[in-house]
Amino acid sequence: MLQTLTLFHPVWAQADPDDLARADEQMARGNFRTWAKITSHVYAARERDPARRVDRELIEHACARLGPYP
């Protein structure tokens, strides 16, 4: 999944693989549709603040926006 994400969208190229693995384990569970939603939220946050790093905090914030049932 991790390699696919970096190919899917360049926003993931700078992310720590451990943070991506954690998000996949806890939230996405290998579901690419869920990853597309997370990507959308991360991308929107970076559009508002281009200097923001894609770190654990940003990824967790994006996952929290999915609600209880991603």
Protein backbone atom coordinates (compact mmCIF):
# COMPACT_ATOMS: atom_id res chain seq x y z
CA MET A 1 0.00 0.00 0.00
CA LEU A 2 2.75 2.46 0.89
CA GLN A 3 4.42 2.29 -2.51
CA THR A 4 1.06 2.66 -4.23
CA LEU A 5 0.26 5.79 -2.22
CA THR A 6 3.42 7.57 -3.32
CA LEU A 7 2.54 6.76 -6.92
CA PHE A 8 -1.10 7.77 -6.41
CA HIS A 9 -0.40 11.32 -5.28
CA PRO A 10 2.83 13.30 -4.81
CA VAL A 11 1.62 14.64 -1.45
CA TRP A 12 2.59 11.28 0.07
CA ALA A 13 6.18 11.34 -1.21
CA GLN A 14 7.33 13.44 1.74
CA ALA A 15 5.39 11.54 4.40
CA ASP A 16 7.09 9.24 6.88
CA PRO A 17 6.35 5.61 5.93
CA ASP A 18 5.70 4.81 9.61
CA ASP A 19 2.99 7.47 9.74
CA LEU A 20 1.37 6.07 6.60
CA ALA A 21 1.53 2.52 7.94
CA ARG A 22 -0.07 3.67 11.21
CA ALA A 23 -2.90 5.44 9.37
CA ASP A 24 -3.47 2.40 7.19
CA GLU A 25 -3.55 0.08 10.18
CA GLN A 26 -5.85 2.25 12.27
CA MET A 27 -8.10 3.87 9.71
CA ALA A 28 -7.83 2.90 6.05
CA ARG A 29 -7.13 -0.83 6.45
CA GLY A 30 -5.90 -1.10 2.87
CA ASN A 31 -9.05 0.46 1.44
CA PHE A 32 -8.01 2.66 -1.46
CA ARG A 33 -11.26 4.62 -1.40
CA THR A 34 -10.54 5.62 2.20
CA TRP A 35 -7.01 6.61 1.20
CA ALA A 36 -8.47 8.79 -1.56
CA LYS A 37 -10.55 10.62 1.06
CA ILE A 38 -7.57 11.02 3.38
CA THR A 39 -5.51 12.29 0.45
CA SER A 40 -8.19 14.83 -0.37
CA HIS A 41 -8.17 16.19 3.19
CA VAL A 42 -4.35 16.32 3.32
CA TYR A 43 -4.21 18.01 -0.07
CA ALA A 44 -6.79 20.62 0.98
CA ALA A 45 -4.85 21.39 4.17
CA ARG A 46 -1.67 21.86 2.18
CA GLU A 47 -3.47 24.11 -0.30
CA ARG A 48 -4.38 26.37 2.62
CA ASP A 49 -0.83 26.22 4.02
CA PRO A 50 1.70 25.04 1.40
CA ALA A 51 4.57 25.11 3.92
CA ARG A 52 2.83 22.57 6.15
CA ARG A 53 4.60 19.23 6.31
CA VAL A 54 2.77 15.98 5.78
CA ASP A 55 3.41 14.59 9.24
CA ARG A 56 1.59 12.41 11.72
CA GLU A 57 -0.42 15.35 13.05
CA LEU A 58 -1.73 16.31 9.61
CA ILE A 59 -2.50 12.71 8.68
CA GLU A 60 -4.37 12.16 11.95
CA HIS A 61 -6.31 15.38 11.40
CA ALA A 62 -7.28 14.19 7.91
CA CYS A 63 -8.35 10.80 9.28
CA ALA A 64 -10.43 12.46 11.98
CA ARG A 65 -12.37 14.30 9.28
CA LEU A 66 -13.60 10.96 7.94
CA GLY A 67 -15.88 10.44 10.90
CA PRO A 68 -16.52 7.15 12.68
CA TYR A 69 -17.12 5.14 9.50
CA PRO A 70 -14.55 5.82 6.78
